[in-house]
Amino acid sequence: MTDSGNGQAARVLELYYKVEEVAFLLRFSNKWVRERMNAGEFGAGVVDVRGDVRIPASGVNRFLALHHRVYDIDVRRANAGRLRRQLARKALNGEVQTSGRT
């Protein structure tokens, strides 16, 4: 972490996405994302708050790193780098609802 100038370490916030948001970004169904989540492919950072499951952006990046090419139902190939950029752009533009964690 970097120093925030006052002697304290800067906080890093992790972005979290709903299952529906990850499904939209990866062009898969909600069911498919839940299956991958249950198989542990998004890592251990998945959070379930009263049935509202959130997947950390680092988990999505982990999944993309493990799967260099992702195919949707139309068999169109999507580059993992492009998906990462879309994910980051949508987060910056506020197009996806995220929550932070310290």
N, C-alpha and C. Protein backbone atom coordinates (compact mmCIF):
# COMPACT_ATOMS: atom_id res chain seq x y z
N MET A 1 0.84 -1.18 0.00
CA MET A 1 0.00 0.00 0.00
C MET A 1 0.87 1.23 0.00
N THR A 2 0.32 2.31 -0.47
CA THR A 2 1.08 3.55 -0.52
C THR A 2 0.75 4.41 0.68
N ASP A 3 1.67 5.28 1.02
CA ASP A 3 1.49 6.20 2.12
C ASP A 3 0.58 7.33 1.66
N SER A 4 -0.44 7.66 2.43
CA SER A 4 -1.38 8.71 2.05
C SER A 4 -0.90 10.10 2.44
N GLY A 5 0.30 10.21 2.92
CA GLY A 5 0.86 11.50 3.24
C GLY A 5 0.75 11.88 4.70
N ASN A 6 -0.07 11.20 5.45
CA ASN A 6 -0.23 11.53 6.86
C ASN A 6 0.28 10.41 7.77
N GLY A 7 1.13 9.55 7.21
CA GLY A 7 1.70 8.48 8.00
C GLY A 7 0.86 7.23 8.06
N GLN A 8 -0.31 7.26 7.46
CA GLN A 8 -1.18 6.09 7.44
C GLN A 8 -1.16 5.46 6.05
N ALA A 9 -1.31 4.17 6.04
CA ALA A 9 -1.35 3.46 4.76
C ALA A 9 -2.68 3.76 4.06
N ALA A 10 -2.63 3.93 2.75
CA ALA A 10 -3.84 4.17 1.97
C ALA A 10 -4.69 2.90 1.93
N ARG A 11 -5.98 3.06 1.94
CA ARG A 11 -6.90 1.92 1.87
C ARG A 11 -7.14 1.54 0.42
N VAL A 12 -7.19 0.28 0.17
CA VAL A 12 -7.50 -0.23 -1.16
C VAL A 12 -8.88 -0.86 -1.09
N LEU A 13 -9.78 -0.40 -1.97
CA LEU A 13 -11.14 -0.94 -1.99
C LEU A 13 -11.25 -1.99 -3.08
N GLU A 14 -11.82 -3.10 -2.76
CA GLU A 14 -12.07 -4.18 -3.71
C GLU A 14 -13.47 -3.97 -4.28
N LEU A 15 -13.59 -4.07 -5.59
CA LEU A 15 -14.90 -3.98 -6.23
C LEU A 15 -15.57 -5.34 -6.21
N TYR A 16 -16.87 -5.35 -5.97
CA TYR A 16 -17.65 -6.58 -5.95
C TYR A 16 -18.77 -6.47 -6.96
N TYR A 17 -19.04 -7.58 -7.66
CA TYR A 17 -20.06 -7.61 -8.68
C TYR A 17 -21.12 -8.65 -8.35
N LYS A 18 -22.36 -8.35 -8.73
CA LYS A 18 -23.44 -9.33 -8.60
C LYS A 18 -23.22 -10.43 -9.63
N VAL A 19 -23.81 -11.57 -9.38
CA VAL A 19 -23.73 -12.70 -10.32
C VAL A 19 -24.23 -12.25 -11.69
N GLU A 20 -25.31 -11.48 -11.72
CA GLU A 20 -25.89 -11.01 -12.97
C GLU A 20 -24.92 -10.12 -13.74
N GLU A 21 -24.16 -9.30 -13.03
CA GLU A 21 -23.20 -8.41 -13.67
C GLU A 21 -22.05 -9.19 -14.29
N VAL A 22 -21.56 -10.20 -13.57
CA VAL A 22 -20.47 -11.03 -14.09
C VAL A 22 -20.97 -11.81 -15.31
N ALA A 23 -22.18 -12.33 -15.23
CA ALA A 23 -22.76 -13.06 -16.36
C ALA A 23 -22.86 -12.16 -17.58
N PHE A 24 -23.28 -10.93 -17.39
CA PHE A 24 -23.39 -9.98 -18.49
C PHE A 24 -22.02 -9.68 -19.10
N LEU A 25 -21.03 -9.43 -18.24
CA LEU A 25 -19.69 -9.10 -18.73
C LEU A 25 -19.04 -10.26 -19.47
N LEU A 26 -19.26 -11.48 -18.99
CA LEU A 26 -18.64 -12.65 -19.61
C LEU A 26 -19.50 -13.28 -20.70
N ARG A 27 -20.72 -12.78 -20.85
CA ARG A 27 -21.66 -13.29 -21.85
C ARG A 27 -22.05 -14.74 -21.60
N PHE A 28 -22.34 -15.02 -20.35
CA PHE A 28 -22.82 -16.34 -19.94
C PHE A 28 -24.06 -16.17 -19.10
N SER A 29 -24.73 -17.28 -18.81
CA SER A 29 -25.94 -17.23 -17.98
C SER A 29 -25.59 -17.10 -16.51
N ASN A 30 -26.57 -16.64 -15.73
CA ASN A 30 -26.38 -16.56 -14.28
C ASN A 30 -26.08 -17.94 -13.71
N LYS A 31 -26.77 -18.96 -14.23
CA LYS A 31 -26.57 -20.33 -13.75
C LYS A 31 -25.13 -20.77 -13.98
N TRP A 32 -24.58 -20.46 -15.16
CA TRP A 32 -23.20 -20.84 -15.48
C TRP A 32 -22.22 -20.17 -14.52
N VAL A 33 -22.44 -18.87 -14.24
CA VAL A 33 -21.56 -18.15 -13.32
C VAL A 33 -21.65 -18.77 -11.93
N ARG A 34 -22.85 -19.10 -11.48
CA ARG A 34 -23.00 -19.73 -10.16
C ARG A 34 -22.30 -21.09 -10.10
N GLU A 35 -22.38 -21.85 -11.19
CA GLU A 35 -21.68 -23.14 -11.24
C GLU A 35 -20.17 -22.93 -11.14
N ARG A 36 -19.63 -21.97 -11.86
CA ARG A 36 -18.19 -21.68 -11.81
C ARG A 36 -17.81 -21.18 -10.42
N MET A 37 -18.68 -20.38 -9.81
CA MET A 37 -18.44 -19.86 -8.47
C MET A 37 -18.39 -21.01 -7.47
N ASN A 38 -19.35 -21.93 -7.56
CA ASN A 38 -19.40 -23.09 -6.66
C ASN A 38 -18.21 -24.02 -6.86
N ALA A 39 -17.64 -24.02 -8.07
CA ALA A 39 -16.46 -24.83 -8.36
C ALA A 39 -15.18 -24.15 -7.88
N GLY A 40 -15.30 -22.93 -7.35
CA GLY A 40 -14.14 -22.22 -6.82
C GLY A 40 -13.31 -21.49 -7.86
N GLU A 41 -13.84 -21.30 -9.06
CA GLU A 41 -13.05 -20.68 -10.12
C GLU A 41 -12.90 -19.17 -9.96
N PHE A 42 -13.67 -18.55 -9.05
CA PHE A 42 -13.53 -17.12 -8.80
C PHE A 42 -12.75 -16.85 -7.50
N GLY A 43 -12.17 -17.89 -6.93
CA GLY A 43 -11.36 -17.74 -5.73
C GLY A 43 -12.20 -17.76 -4.46
N ALA A 44 -11.54 -17.48 -3.36
CA ALA A 44 -12.18 -17.59 -2.05
C ALA A 44 -12.83 -16.29 -1.59
N GLY A 45 -12.76 -15.22 -2.38
CA GLY A 45 -13.27 -13.92 -1.95
C GLY A 45 -14.75 -13.69 -2.19
N VAL A 46 -15.47 -14.71 -2.65
CA VAL A 46 -16.90 -14.56 -2.90
C VAL A 46 -17.63 -14.36 -1.58
N VAL A 47 -18.53 -13.38 -1.57
CA VAL A 47 -19.23 -13.00 -0.34
C VAL A 47 -20.73 -13.24 -0.53
N ASP A 48 -21.36 -13.84 0.48
CA ASP A 48 -22.80 -14.06 0.46
C ASP A 48 -23.39 -13.33 1.67
N VAL A 49 -24.16 -12.27 1.38
CA VAL A 49 -24.79 -11.51 2.44
C VAL A 49 -26.30 -11.70 2.31
N ARG A 50 -26.86 -12.53 3.17
CA ARG A 50 -28.30 -12.81 3.17
C ARG A 50 -28.80 -13.22 1.79
N GLY A 51 -28.06 -14.08 1.12
CA GLY A 51 -28.47 -14.58 -0.19
C GLY A 51 -28.05 -13.72 -1.36
N ASP A 52 -27.50 -12.54 -1.11
CA ASP A 52 -27.02 -11.65 -2.17
C ASP A 52 -25.53 -11.92 -2.37
N VAL A 53 -25.21 -12.71 -3.39
CA VAL A 53 -23.83 -13.14 -3.63
C VAL A 53 -23.09 -12.07 -4.42
N ARG A 54 -21.87 -11.76 -3.99
CA ARG A 54 -21.01 -10.81 -4.70
C ARG A 54 -19.67 -11.48 -4.99
N ILE A 55 -19.17 -11.23 -6.21
CA ILE A 55 -17.89 -11.79 -6.66
C ILE A 55 -16.90 -10.64 -6.77
N PRO A 56 -15.72 -10.77 -6.14
CA PRO A 56 -14.76 -9.67 -6.21
C PRO A 56 -14.16 -9.54 -7.61
N ALA A 57 -13.81 -8.31 -7.98
CA ALA A 57 -13.18 -8.07 -9.29
C ALA A 57 -11.89 -8.87 -9.41
N SER A 58 -11.18 -9.06 -8.32
CA SER A 58 -9.95 -9.86 -8.36
C SER A 58 -10.28 -11.31 -8.71
N GLY A 59 -11.45 -11.79 -8.29
CA GLY A 59 -11.88 -13.15 -8.63
C GLY A 59 -12.21 -13.27 -10.10
N VAL A 60 -12.82 -12.23 -10.67
CA VAL A 60 -13.10 -12.23 -12.11
C VAL A 60 -11.79 -12.21 -12.89
N ASN A 61 -10.85 -11.38 -12.45
CA ASN A 61 -9.53 -11.34 -13.10
C ASN A 61 -8.81 -12.68 -12.99
N ARG A 62 -8.96 -13.34 -11.83
CA ARG A 62 -8.36 -14.67 -11.65
C ARG A 62 -8.95 -15.64 -12.65
N PHE A 63 -10.28 -15.62 -12.79
CA PHE A 63 -10.95 -16.50 -13.74
C PHE A 63 -10.45 -16.23 -15.17
N LEU A 64 -10.36 -14.95 -15.54
CA LEU A 64 -9.91 -14.59 -16.89
C LEU A 64 -8.47 -15.02 -17.13
N ALA A 65 -7.65 -14.96 -16.09
CA ALA A 65 -6.25 -15.40 -16.24
C ALA A 65 -6.17 -16.91 -16.46
N LEU A 66 -7.08 -17.66 -15.84
CA LEU A 66 -7.07 -19.11 -15.99
C LEU A 66 -7.66 -19.55 -17.33
N HIS A 67 -8.56 -18.75 -17.87
CA HIS A 67 -9.26 -19.08 -19.12
C HIS A 67 -8.96 -18.00 -20.14
N HIS A 68 -7.93 -18.23 -20.94
CA HIS A 68 -7.47 -17.20 -21.88
C HIS A 68 -8.52 -16.83 -22.91
N ARG A 69 -9.35 -17.76 -23.28
CA ARG A 69 -10.43 -17.48 -24.23
C ARG A 69 -11.76 -17.90 -23.60
N VAL A 70 -12.76 -17.06 -23.76
CA VAL A 70 -14.07 -17.34 -23.24
C VAL A 70 -15.05 -17.34 -24.40
N TYR A 71 -15.94 -18.32 -24.46
CA TYR A 71 -16.90 -18.43 -25.55
C TYR A 71 -18.31 -18.25 -25.03
N ASP A 72 -19.12 -17.50 -25.77
CA ASP A 72 -20.52 -17.38 -25.39
C ASP A 72 -21.35 -18.33 -26.25
N ILE A 73 -22.65 -18.27 -26.11
CA ILE A 73 -23.53 -19.22 -26.77
C ILE A 73 -23.42 -19.15 -28.30
N ASP A 74 -23.07 -17.97 -28.85
CA ASP A 74 -22.93 -17.81 -30.29
C ASP A 74 -21.54 -18.20 -30.78
N VAL A 75 -20.71 -18.72 -29.92
CA VAL A 75 -19.36 -19.17 -30.21
C VAL A 75 -18.49 -18.03 -30.75
N ARG A 76 -18.76 -16.83 -30.29
CA ARG A 76 -17.88 -15.71 -30.61
C ARG A 76 -16.79 -15.66 -29.55
N ARG A 77 -15.55 -15.54 -29.98
CA ARG A 77 -14.45 -15.51 -29.02
C ARG A 77 -14.28 -14.11 -28.44
N ALA A 78 -13.98 -14.08 -27.18
CA ALA A 78 -13.73 -12.81 -26.50
C ALA A 78 -12.35 -12.87 -25.87
N ASN A 79 -11.57 -11.89 -26.13
CA ASN A 79 -10.23 -11.79 -25.57
C ASN A 79 -10.32 -11.42 -24.09
N ALA A 80 -9.59 -12.11 -23.26
CA ALA A 80 -9.63 -11.86 -21.81
C ALA A 80 -9.22 -10.43 -21.48
N GLY A 81 -8.24 -9.89 -22.20
CA GLY A 81 -7.81 -8.51 -21.98
C GLY A 81 -8.94 -7.53 -22.26
N ARG A 82 -9.69 -7.80 -23.33
CA ARG A 82 -10.81 -6.93 -23.67
C ARG A 82 -11.88 -6.99 -22.57
N LEU A 83 -12.14 -8.18 -22.05
CA LEU A 83 -13.12 -8.31 -20.98
C LEU A 83 -12.67 -7.58 -19.72
N ARG A 84 -11.38 -7.67 -19.42
CA ARG A 84 -10.86 -6.94 -18.25
C ARG A 84 -11.04 -5.43 -18.43
N ARG A 85 -10.74 -4.94 -19.65
CA ARG A 85 -10.90 -3.50 -19.91
C ARG A 85 -12.36 -3.09 -19.81
N GLN A 86 -13.28 -3.91 -20.32
CA GLN A 86 -14.71 -3.62 -20.21
C GLN A 86 -15.13 -3.56 -18.75
N LEU A 87 -14.68 -4.51 -17.98
CA LEU A 87 -15.01 -4.57 -16.56
C LEU A 87 -14.52 -3.31 -15.85
N ALA A 88 -13.29 -2.92 -16.11
CA ALA A 88 -12.72 -1.72 -15.48
C ALA A 88 -13.45 -0.46 -15.95
N ARG A 89 -13.74 -0.35 -17.25
CA ARG A 89 -14.41 0.83 -17.80
C ARG A 89 -15.82 0.96 -17.20
N LYS A 90 -16.55 -0.14 -17.13
CA LYS A 90 -17.90 -0.10 -16.59
C LYS A 90 -17.87 0.30 -15.11
N ALA A 91 -16.88 -0.17 -14.38
CA ALA A 91 -16.76 0.19 -12.96
C ALA A 91 -16.46 1.69 -12.83
N LEU A 92 -15.56 2.21 -13.67
CA LEU A 92 -15.22 3.63 -13.62
C LEU A 92 -16.38 4.52 -14.02
N ASN A 93 -17.18 4.07 -14.98
CA ASN A 93 -18.31 4.86 -15.46
C ASN A 93 -19.55 4.69 -14.59
N GLY A 94 -19.46 3.83 -13.58
CA GLY A 94 -20.58 3.60 -12.69
C GLY A 94 -21.71 2.82 -13.33
N GLU A 95 -21.40 2.09 -14.40
CA GLU A 95 -22.43 1.31 -15.11
C GLU A 95 -22.79 0.03 -14.37
N VAL A 96 -21.93 -0.42 -13.47
CA VAL A 96 -22.23 -1.59 -12.68
C VAL A 96 -22.19 -1.16 -11.22
N GLN A 97 -23.12 -1.69 -10.45
CA GLN A 97 -23.16 -1.37 -9.04
C GLN A 97 -22.12 -2.18 -8.32
N THR A 98 -21.26 -1.50 -7.59
CA THR A 98 -20.20 -2.19 -6.85
C THR A 98 -20.27 -1.78 -5.39
N SER A 99 -19.65 -2.57 -4.58
CA SER A 99 -19.53 -2.23 -3.16
C SER A 99 -18.07 -2.37 -2.78
N GLY A 100 -17.61 -1.58 -1.84
CA GLY A 100 -16.21 -1.61 -1.47
C GLY A 100 -15.98 -2.36 -0.18
N ARG A 101 -14.76 -2.83 -0.01
CA ARG A 101 -14.36 -3.55 1.20
C ARG A 101 -12.95 -3.09 1.52
N THR A 102 -12.67 -2.88 2.77
CA THR A 102 -11.31 -2.47 3.16
C THR A 102 -10.46 -3.65 3.43
